[in-house]
Amino acid sequence: MKTYKKPATSKLVMRFDNELKNILTNDLNSFMSRNPFLARKKQAAINNTLSVA
């Protein structure tokens, strides 16, 4: 009989999460580079919420 060591489920989930995060980050970066208006609008919204107090 051949012995086969199955990878731990937590390692598979962690790898899946990391791959998904990388894909989503790349997609978001490419979307924001194609739509610079949204990036400026987002920055303006952040500046408006800052308090001077």
N, C-alpha and C. Protein backbone atom coordinates (compact mmCIF):
# COMPACT_ATOMS: atom_id res chain seq x y z
N MET A 1 0.83 -1.20 0.00
CA MET A 1 0.00 0.00 0.00
C MET A 1 0.87 1.24 0.00
N LYS A 2 0.43 2.18 -0.76
CA LYS A 2 1.12 3.46 -0.80
C LYS A 2 0.58 4.35 0.31
N THR A 3 1.48 5.04 0.96
CA THR A 3 1.02 6.00 1.97
C THR A 3 0.94 7.37 1.32
N TYR A 4 -0.11 8.05 1.60
CA TYR A 4 -0.32 9.38 1.03
C TYR A 4 -0.69 10.32 2.15
N LYS A 5 0.13 11.33 2.33
CA LYS A 5 -0.12 12.31 3.39
C LYS A 5 -0.95 13.45 2.80
N LYS A 6 -2.17 13.54 3.24
CA LYS A 6 -3.08 14.57 2.75
C LYS A 6 -2.76 15.89 3.44
N PRO A 7 -2.70 17.00 2.70
CA PRO A 7 -2.42 18.29 3.35
C PRO A 7 -3.56 18.67 4.30
N ALA A 8 -3.19 19.35 5.35
CA ALA A 8 -4.19 19.76 6.34
C ALA A 8 -5.20 20.71 5.71
N THR A 9 -6.43 20.60 6.14
CA THR A 9 -7.50 21.43 5.60
C THR A 9 -7.22 22.90 5.84
N SER A 10 -6.67 23.21 7.01
CA SER A 10 -6.40 24.62 7.33
C SER A 10 -5.37 25.21 6.37
N LYS A 11 -4.40 24.41 5.94
CA LYS A 11 -3.41 24.90 4.98
C LYS A 11 -4.06 25.17 3.62
N LEU A 12 -4.97 24.28 3.23
CA LEU A 12 -5.66 24.49 1.96
C LEU A 12 -6.54 25.73 2.01
N VAL A 13 -7.22 25.93 3.11
CA VAL A 13 -8.08 27.11 3.25
C VAL A 13 -7.23 28.37 3.26
N MET A 14 -6.11 28.34 3.95
CA MET A 14 -5.24 29.50 4.01
C MET A 14 -4.68 29.83 2.62
N ARG A 15 -4.31 28.80 1.86
CA ARG A 15 -3.80 29.03 0.51
C ARG A 15 -4.89 29.60 -0.39
N PHE A 16 -6.10 29.05 -0.28
CA PHE A 16 -7.23 29.56 -1.06
C PHE A 16 -7.50 31.02 -0.73
N ASP A 17 -7.51 31.35 0.56
CA ASP A 17 -7.74 32.73 0.98
C ASP A 17 -6.67 33.67 0.43
N ASN A 18 -5.42 33.24 0.49
CA ASN A 18 -4.34 34.08 -0.03
C ASN A 18 -4.45 34.28 -1.54
N GLU A 19 -4.75 33.22 -2.27
CA GLU A 19 -4.90 33.33 -3.72
C GLU A 19 -6.08 34.23 -4.08
N LEU A 20 -7.19 34.06 -3.38
CA LEU A 20 -8.36 34.90 -3.63
C LEU A 20 -8.07 36.36 -3.33
N LYS A 21 -7.37 36.62 -2.23
CA LYS A 21 -7.01 37.99 -1.88
C LYS A 21 -6.11 38.61 -2.94
N ASN A 22 -5.16 37.85 -3.44
CA ASN A 22 -4.27 38.36 -4.49
C ASN A 22 -5.04 38.67 -5.77
N ILE A 23 -5.96 37.80 -6.14
CA ILE A 23 -6.75 38.02 -7.35
C ILE A 23 -7.61 39.27 -7.20
N LEU A 24 -8.27 39.40 -6.06
CA LEU A 24 -9.14 40.56 -5.84
C LEU A 24 -8.34 41.85 -5.77
N THR A 25 -7.17 41.82 -5.15
CA THR A 25 -6.32 43.00 -5.07
C THR A 25 -5.87 43.43 -6.46
N ASN A 26 -5.45 42.47 -7.27
CA ASN A 26 -5.03 42.79 -8.64
C ASN A 26 -6.18 43.37 -9.45
N ASP A 27 -7.36 42.77 -9.31
CA ASP A 27 -8.52 43.28 -10.03
C ASP A 27 -8.87 44.70 -9.59
N LEU A 28 -8.83 44.95 -8.30
CA LEU A 28 -9.14 46.29 -7.79
C LEU A 28 -8.12 47.31 -8.29
N ASN A 29 -6.85 46.95 -8.27
CA ASN A 29 -5.82 47.88 -8.74
C ASN A 29 -6.00 48.19 -10.22
N SER A 30 -6.31 47.18 -11.02
CA SER A 30 -6.50 47.44 -12.45
C SER A 30 -7.77 48.27 -12.69
N PHE A 31 -8.81 48.02 -11.91
CA PHE A 31 -10.04 48.80 -12.04
C PHE A 31 -9.80 50.26 -11.68
N MET A 32 -9.08 50.49 -10.58
CA MET A 32 -8.82 51.87 -10.15
C MET A 32 -7.89 52.59 -11.11
N SER A 33 -6.98 51.87 -11.75
CA SER A 33 -6.10 52.53 -12.73
C SER A 33 -6.88 52.91 -14.00
N ARG A 34 -7.92 52.15 -14.33
CA ARG A 34 -8.74 52.47 -15.50
C ARG A 34 -9.78 53.54 -15.19
N ASN A 35 -10.09 53.77 -13.92
CA ASN A 35 -11.11 54.74 -13.52
C ASN A 35 -10.53 55.72 -12.49
N PRO A 36 -9.68 56.64 -12.93
CA PRO A 36 -9.03 57.55 -11.97
C PRO A 36 -10.02 58.46 -11.26
N PHE A 37 -11.18 58.71 -11.86
CA PHE A 37 -12.18 59.56 -11.22
C PHE A 37 -12.62 58.97 -9.90
N LEU A 38 -12.79 57.66 -9.86
CA LEU A 38 -13.23 57.00 -8.63
C LEU A 38 -12.19 57.13 -7.53
N ALA A 39 -10.92 57.05 -7.89
CA ALA A 39 -9.86 57.19 -6.90
C ALA A 39 -9.85 58.60 -6.31
N ARG A 40 -10.03 59.61 -7.17
CA ARG A 40 -10.06 60.99 -6.67
C ARG A 40 -11.29 61.21 -5.80
N LYS A 41 -12.42 60.65 -6.20
CA LYS A 41 -13.65 60.80 -5.45
C LYS A 41 -13.50 60.15 -4.07
N LYS A 42 -12.86 58.99 -4.03
CA LYS A 42 -12.64 58.30 -2.76
C LYS A 42 -11.74 59.14 -1.86
N GLN A 43 -10.68 59.71 -2.42
CA GLN A 43 -9.76 60.54 -1.64
C GLN A 43 -10.48 61.79 -1.14
N ALA A 44 -11.32 62.38 -1.94
CA ALA A 44 -12.08 63.56 -1.52
C ALA A 44 -13.03 63.22 -0.38
N ALA A 45 -13.64 62.06 -0.42
CA ALA A 45 -14.54 61.62 0.64
C ALA A 45 -13.79 61.44 1.95
N ILE A 46 -12.57 60.93 1.87
CA ILE A 46 -11.74 60.75 3.08
C ILE A 46 -11.36 62.10 3.64
N ASN A 47 -10.98 63.04 2.76
CA ASN A 47 -10.58 64.37 3.23
C ASN A 47 -11.76 65.10 3.87
N ASN A 48 -12.96 64.90 3.37
CA ASN A 48 -14.12 65.56 3.93
C ASN A 48 -14.49 65.03 5.31
N THR A 49 -14.13 63.81 5.60
CA THR A 49 -14.49 63.21 6.89
C THR A 49 -13.47 63.53 7.97
N LEU A 50 -12.31 64.04 7.60
CA LEU A 50 -11.29 64.36 8.59
C LEU A 50 -11.71 65.60 9.38
N SER A 51 -11.44 65.58 10.65
CA SER A 51 -11.81 66.69 11.52
C SER A 51 -10.59 67.53 11.83
N VAL A 52 -10.79 68.83 11.90
CA VAL A 52 -9.71 69.75 12.21
C VAL A 52 -9.58 69.93 13.72
N ALA A 53 -10.60 69.55 14.45
CA ALA A 53 -10.62 69.72 15.91
C ALA A 53 -9.58 68.90 16.52
